[in-house]
Amino acid sequence: MTILAFTAIILFGFAVYNLSCAFADIPTSKTSRMMMLARKQQGIKNEKLLDVYLTRIAALFAPCLRLDKLKRGKLQAALNIAGLEMTPEIYTAKAWVTAGAVALCAFPLMFVIPLSVPILVGLAVALWFSTYYAVFDFVKKRRKLIESEVPRFALTIGQNLENDRDVLKILTSYRRVAGRDFGAELDQTIADMKTGNYENALIHFETRIGSPMLSDVVRGLVGVLRGDDQRMYFKMICFDMRQIEQSNLKKEAAKRPKKMQRYSMMMLICIMIIYLVVLCTEVLGSLGAFFG
């Protein structure tokens, strides 16, 4: 009887799952894997199957959300930079769905393991923050990588302006030695320049990244397009960027001693434990020989 009841529960759960997928228009796991494989073969970024399901479920709750215009604009800009093709409402709902799925697990465990409830609730809160702010962390890290390359980019432009004032040619030549993230932005900017207005393409380049250092470089390039002699300007911003870079290096170097102190303390504790183990072993051996 117990086996039959257990089998009935499994079949009922399987039926509810399939009906839910049908109502939510979620493809089966086999279909989803084939679609993801096709996207991967086309060179599109690989996705996890769980993310696909969470996104589809979040799309059902997205119309219920009302976001502030300022927050929505910031989130939309971050999503565009990260290359995520979803609205801010769906992205926010996805964070709530992910956290809610973990929080719901606390209800059945409330009767079995009550102590696990606060742990799961805390995990759900942490998961919401990590999911929602993941795109902002990605944009921040990406901007930091791009900004680390801007001084070299500005120096190259300043050197090329001594012989050539063709902005498109300068960007194309630098693209060969650019990093992955900065190179991807340059590819889009070069394509925009070839198909449209040069100045608008540079302004879009500046807007996409949102870096003050890059804004100074773009301002100089716009001046070159307008016929200004910007050689001295690029020498000045290269000097300023070098000072900023040295200041950032000093700040990073100042953080190292604190990290070294923590590791040194850990090493000291390990050494003390080794000495204590040796000392206790010798004392116990001496006591055994004394009483023996």
Protein backbone atom coordinates (compact mmCIF):
# COMPACT_ATOMS: atom_id res chain seq x y z
CA MET A 1 0.00 0.00 0.00
CA THR A 2 2.83 2.37 0.86
CA ILE A 3 4.57 1.63 -2.43
CA LEU A 4 1.38 2.33 -4.37
CA ALA A 5 0.86 5.64 -2.55
CA PHE A 6 4.47 6.66 -3.16
CA THR A 7 4.13 5.75 -6.86
CA ALA A 8 0.90 7.72 -7.11
CA ILE A 9 2.55 10.79 -5.56
CA ILE A 10 5.46 10.59 -8.03
CA LEU A 11 3.11 10.25 -11.01
CA PHE A 12 0.93 13.10 -9.73
CA GLY A 13 3.98 15.35 -9.32
CA PHE A 14 5.20 14.44 -12.81
CA ALA A 15 1.78 15.27 -14.26
CA VAL A 16 1.61 18.60 -12.42
CA TYR A 17 5.10 19.48 -13.68
CA ASN A 18 4.20 18.76 -17.31
CA LEU A 19 0.91 20.64 -17.06
CA SER A 20 2.70 23.63 -15.53
CA CYS A 21 5.26 23.61 -18.34
CA ALA A 22 2.45 23.45 -20.89
CA PHE A 23 0.54 26.38 -19.35
CA ALA A 24 3.72 28.43 -18.96
CA ASP A 25 4.80 27.54 -22.53
CA ILE A 26 8.11 26.10 -21.26
CA PRO A 27 9.75 23.60 -23.64
CA THR A 28 10.75 20.16 -22.49
CA SER A 29 14.29 19.52 -21.27
CA LYS A 30 15.19 17.65 -24.47
CA THR A 31 13.90 20.48 -26.67
CA SER A 32 15.69 23.08 -24.53
CA ARG A 33 18.99 21.21 -24.78
CA MET A 34 18.72 21.02 -28.57
CA MET A 35 17.91 24.75 -28.78
CA MET A 36 20.87 25.60 -26.55
CA LEU A 37 23.16 23.35 -28.60
CA ALA A 38 22.03 25.14 -31.78
CA ARG A 39 22.73 28.55 -30.17
CA LYS A 40 26.17 27.36 -29.09
CA GLN A 41 27.00 26.16 -32.62
CA GLN A 42 26.00 29.58 -33.95
CA GLY A 43 28.53 31.22 -31.64
CA ILE A 44 25.96 32.58 -29.19
CA LYS A 45 26.84 32.62 -25.50
CA ASN A 46 26.11 29.32 -23.78
CA GLU A 47 23.24 29.22 -21.29
CA LYS A 48 22.32 26.88 -18.47
CA LEU A 49 19.07 25.01 -18.68
CA LEU A 50 18.02 26.18 -15.20
CA ASP A 51 18.48 29.82 -16.26
CA VAL A 52 16.22 29.25 -19.26
CA TYR A 53 13.43 27.87 -17.05
CA LEU A 54 13.82 30.63 -14.46
CA THR A 55 13.66 33.28 -17.19
CA ARG A 56 10.48 31.82 -18.65
CA ILE A 57 8.83 31.66 -15.22
CA ALA A 58 10.01 35.19 -14.42
CA ALA A 59 8.39 36.44 -17.63
CA LEU A 60 5.01 35.42 -16.18
CA PHE A 61 5.48 37.60 -13.08
CA ALA A 62 7.20 40.51 -14.86
CA PRO A 63 3.93 42.37 -15.77
CA CYS A 64 3.13 42.59 -12.04
CA LEU A 65 6.29 44.59 -11.29
CA ARG A 66 6.46 48.38 -11.39
CA LEU A 67 10.00 49.74 -11.35
CA ASP A 68 11.14 53.29 -10.67
CA LYS A 69 12.17 55.09 -13.88
CA LEU A 70 15.66 55.90 -12.62
CA LYS A 71 16.34 52.37 -11.38
CA ARG A 72 14.85 50.91 -14.54
CA GLY A 73 17.09 53.08 -16.72
CA LYS A 74 20.22 52.05 -14.81
CA LEU A 75 19.26 48.39 -14.95
CA GLN A 76 18.45 48.58 -18.66
CA ALA A 77 21.84 50.17 -19.38
CA ALA A 78 23.60 47.46 -17.37
CA LEU A 79 21.67 44.72 -19.19
CA ASN A 80 22.60 46.22 -22.56
CA ILE A 81 26.28 46.34 -21.62
CA ALA A 82 26.17 42.75 -20.31
CA GLY A 83 24.46 41.58 -23.51
CA LEU A 84 21.39 40.14 -21.73
CA GLU A 85 18.33 40.22 -23.96
CA MET A 86 15.65 40.75 -21.32
CA THR A 87 13.71 43.63 -19.86
CA PRO A 88 14.51 45.05 -16.40
CA GLU A 89 11.17 43.70 -15.16
CA ILE A 90 12.01 40.15 -16.22
CA TYR A 91 15.50 40.41 -14.73
CA THR A 92 14.10 41.64 -11.40
CA ALA A 93 11.39 38.97 -11.41
CA LYS A 94 14.05 36.34 -12.09
CA ALA A 95 15.87 37.38 -8.92
CA TRP A 96 12.63 37.08 -6.94
CA VAL A 97 11.78 33.70 -8.49
CA THR A 98 15.25 32.33 -7.73
CA ALA A 99 15.10 33.49 -4.12
CA GLY A 100 11.48 32.39 -3.76
CA ALA A 101 12.23 28.87 -4.97
CA VAL A 102 14.80 28.47 -2.18
CA ALA A 103 12.50 30.06 0.41
CA LEU A 104 9.65 27.70 -0.53
CA CYS A 105 11.86 24.75 0.35
CA ALA A 106 11.71 25.93 3.96
CA PHE A 107 7.99 25.08 4.30
CA PRO A 108 8.23 21.27 3.97
CA LEU A 109 11.42 21.24 6.05
CA MET A 110 9.66 23.21 8.80
CA PHE A 111 8.05 20.00 10.05
CA VAL A 112 11.12 17.79 9.52
CA ILE A 113 14.14 19.96 10.35
CA PRO A 114 12.94 23.23 11.95
CA LEU A 115 16.49 24.52 12.44
CA SER A 116 17.03 24.56 8.65
CA VAL A 117 14.29 27.18 8.11
CA PRO A 118 16.32 30.28 9.11
CA ILE A 119 19.28 28.93 7.13
CA LEU A 120 17.19 28.60 3.96
CA VAL A 121 15.59 32.01 4.47
CA GLY A 122 19.02 33.60 4.88
CA LEU A 123 20.21 31.71 1.80
CA ALA A 124 17.21 33.00 -0.18
CA VAL A 125 17.99 36.62 0.80
CA ALA A 126 21.66 36.20 -0.11
CA LEU A 127 20.66 34.56 -3.40
CA TRP A 128 18.38 37.50 -4.26
CA PHE A 129 21.19 40.02 -3.73
CA SER A 130 23.72 37.92 -5.68
CA THR A 131 21.28 37.38 -8.57
CA TYR A 132 20.03 40.95 -8.81
CA TYR A 133 23.42 42.66 -8.48
CA ALA A 134 25.27 40.14 -10.68
CA VAL A 135 24.81 42.29 -13.79
CA PHE A 136 26.07 45.41 -11.98
CA ASP A 137 29.13 43.50 -10.73
CA PHE A 138 29.79 42.30 -14.29
CA VAL A 139 29.56 45.84 -15.67
CA LYS A 140 31.84 47.15 -12.92
CA LYS A 141 34.51 44.50 -13.56
CA ARG A 142 34.25 45.02 -17.31
CA ARG A 143 34.59 48.78 -16.96
CA LYS A 144 37.63 48.28 -14.74
CA LEU A 145 39.26 46.06 -17.39
CA ILE A 146 38.52 48.60 -20.11
CA GLU A 147 39.77 51.54 -18.04
CA SER A 148 43.06 49.72 -17.44
CA GLU A 149 43.59 49.81 -21.21
CA VAL A 150 42.51 53.42 -21.81
CA PRO A 151 45.95 55.00 -20.98
CA ARG A 152 47.65 52.82 -23.60
CA PHE A 153 44.84 53.64 -26.04
CA ALA A 154 45.29 57.39 -25.45
CA LEU A 155 49.08 57.13 -25.82
CA THR A 156 48.69 55.28 -29.14
CA ILE A 157 46.27 57.92 -30.44
CA GLY A 158 48.66 60.71 -29.44
CA GLN A 159 51.54 59.03 -31.28
CA ASN A 160 49.47 58.38 -34.41
CA LEU A 161 48.25 61.98 -34.54
CA GLU A 162 51.82 63.08 -35.26
CA ASN A 163 51.54 61.49 -38.71
CA ASP A 164 47.87 60.78 -39.43
CA ARG A 165 44.53 62.35 -38.44
CA ASP A 166 42.26 59.62 -39.80
CA VAL A 167 40.31 58.55 -36.69
CA LEU A 168 38.86 55.41 -38.27
CA LYS A 169 42.30 54.28 -39.36
CA ILE A 170 43.71 54.91 -35.87
CA LEU A 171 40.95 52.86 -34.21
CA THR A 172 41.31 50.06 -36.74
CA SER A 173 45.07 49.84 -36.21
CA TYR A 174 44.70 49.77 -32.42
CA ARG A 175 42.04 47.06 -32.65
CA ARG A 176 44.76 44.53 -33.55
CA VAL A 177 46.40 44.88 -30.11
CA ALA A 178 43.29 45.63 -28.02
CA GLY A 179 42.03 43.35 -25.26
CA ARG A 180 38.92 41.20 -25.59
CA ASP A 181 36.38 43.52 -23.93
CA PHE A 182 37.85 46.74 -25.27
CA GLY A 183 38.23 45.14 -28.69
CA ALA A 184 34.56 44.16 -28.77
CA GLU A 185 33.58 47.77 -28.09
CA LEU A 186 35.97 48.98 -30.78
CA ASP A 187 34.46 46.52 -33.27
CA GLN A 188 31.01 47.96 -32.69
CA THR A 189 32.32 51.53 -32.84
CA ILE A 190 34.21 50.89 -36.09
CA ALA A 191 31.11 49.29 -37.61
CA ASP A 192 29.00 52.31 -36.55
CA MET A 193 31.55 54.68 -38.07
CA LYS A 194 31.58 52.81 -41.36
CA THR A 195 27.79 52.81 -41.62
CA GLY A 196 26.95 56.18 -40.08
CA ASN A 197 28.21 59.41 -38.60
CA TYR A 198 31.70 59.31 -37.04
CA GLU A 199 30.90 61.67 -34.19
CA ASN A 200 27.70 59.85 -33.21
CA ALA A 201 29.54 56.53 -33.23
CA LEU A 202 32.16 57.90 -30.83
CA ILE A 203 29.50 59.35 -28.54
CA HIS A 204 27.72 55.97 -28.44
CA PHE A 205 31.08 54.36 -27.67
CA GLU A 206 31.47 56.70 -24.70
CA THR A 207 27.89 56.14 -23.50
CA ARG A 208 28.09 52.33 -23.62
CA ILE A 209 31.10 52.18 -21.30
CA GLY A 210 30.45 55.20 -19.09
CA SER A 211 34.06 55.75 -18.08
CA PRO A 212 35.33 59.28 -17.25
CA MET A 213 38.78 58.39 -18.59
CA LEU A 214 37.35 57.20 -21.90
CA SER A 215 35.17 60.31 -22.07
CA ASP A 216 38.32 62.46 -22.14
CA VAL A 217 39.72 60.36 -25.00
CA VAL A 218 36.47 60.53 -26.97
CA ARG A 219 36.33 64.29 -26.45
CA GLY A 220 39.77 64.55 -28.02
CA LEU A 221 38.79 62.32 -30.95
CA VAL A 222 35.68 64.42 -31.59
CA GLY A 223 37.95 67.47 -31.67
CA VAL A 224 40.13 65.75 -34.28
CA LEU A 225 37.03 65.07 -36.40
CA ARG A 226 36.16 68.75 -36.20
CA GLY A 227 39.61 69.75 -37.45
CA ASP A 228 41.28 70.76 -34.18
CA ASP A 229 44.92 70.05 -33.43
CA GLN A 230 44.64 67.75 -30.43
CA ARG A 231 48.26 66.57 -30.13
CA MET A 232 48.95 68.67 -27.03
CA TYR A 233 45.59 67.65 -25.55
CA PHE A 234 46.46 63.96 -25.78
CA LYS A 235 49.88 64.59 -24.27
CA MET A 236 48.18 66.26 -21.32
CA ILE A 237 45.58 63.51 -20.76
CA CYS A 238 48.29 60.84 -21.12
CA PHE A 239 50.22 62.56 -18.33
CA ASP A 240 47.08 62.78 -16.17
CA MET A 241 46.22 59.13 -16.79
CA ARG A 242 49.75 58.11 -15.89
CA GLN A 243 49.36 59.94 -12.58
CA ILE A 244 46.00 58.22 -11.95
CA GLU A 245 47.51 54.85 -12.82
CA GLN A 246 50.40 55.38 -10.41
CA SER A 247 47.94 56.45 -7.70
CA ASN A 248 45.88 53.29 -8.25
CA LEU A 249 49.01 51.16 -8.06
CA LYS A 250 49.96 52.81 -4.76
CA LYS A 251 46.48 52.09 -3.40
CA GLU A 252 46.78 48.44 -4.44
CA ALA A 253 50.22 48.24 -2.88
CA ALA A 254 48.86 49.74 0.35
CA LYS A 255 46.30 46.92 0.55
CA ARG A 256 48.95 44.22 0.30
CA PRO A 257 50.40 44.59 3.84
CA LYS A 258 46.94 44.06 5.36
CA LYS A 259 46.52 40.88 3.36
CA MET A 260 50.04 39.78 4.27
CA GLN A 261 49.32 40.43 7.96
CA ARG A 262 46.32 38.13 7.81
CA TYR A 263 48.30 35.35 6.13
CA SER A 264 51.23 35.91 8.49
CA MET A 265 48.89 35.54 11.46
CA MET A 266 47.52 32.30 10.00
CA MET A 267 51.06 31.03 9.48
CA LEU A 268 51.99 31.98 13.07
CA ILE A 269 48.99 30.07 14.41
CA CYS A 270 49.95 27.01 12.35
CA ILE A 271 53.53 27.16 13.67
CA MET A 272 52.26 27.47 17.24
CA ILE A 273 50.00 24.46 16.74
CA ILE A 274 52.96 22.43 15.44
CA TYR A 275 55.07 23.37 18.47
CA LEU A 276 52.19 22.58 20.84
CA VAL A 277 51.67 19.15 19.25
CA VAL A 278 55.39 18.36 19.52
CA LEU A 279 55.52 19.65 23.10
CA CYS A 280 52.44 17.66 24.16
CA THR A 281 53.84 14.52 22.50
CA GLU A 282 57.16 14.88 24.32
CA VAL A 283 55.46 15.59 27.67
CA LEU A 284 53.13 12.62 27.34
CA GLY A 285 56.09 10.42 26.36
CA SER A 286 58.10 11.61 29.36
CA LEU A 287 55.16 11.04 31.72
CA GLY A 288 54.72 7.54 30.36
CA ALA A 289 58.37 6.75 30.91
CA PHE A 290 58.28 8.33 34.40
CA PHE A 291 55.26 6.33 35.58
CA GLY A 292 56.43 3.20 33.77
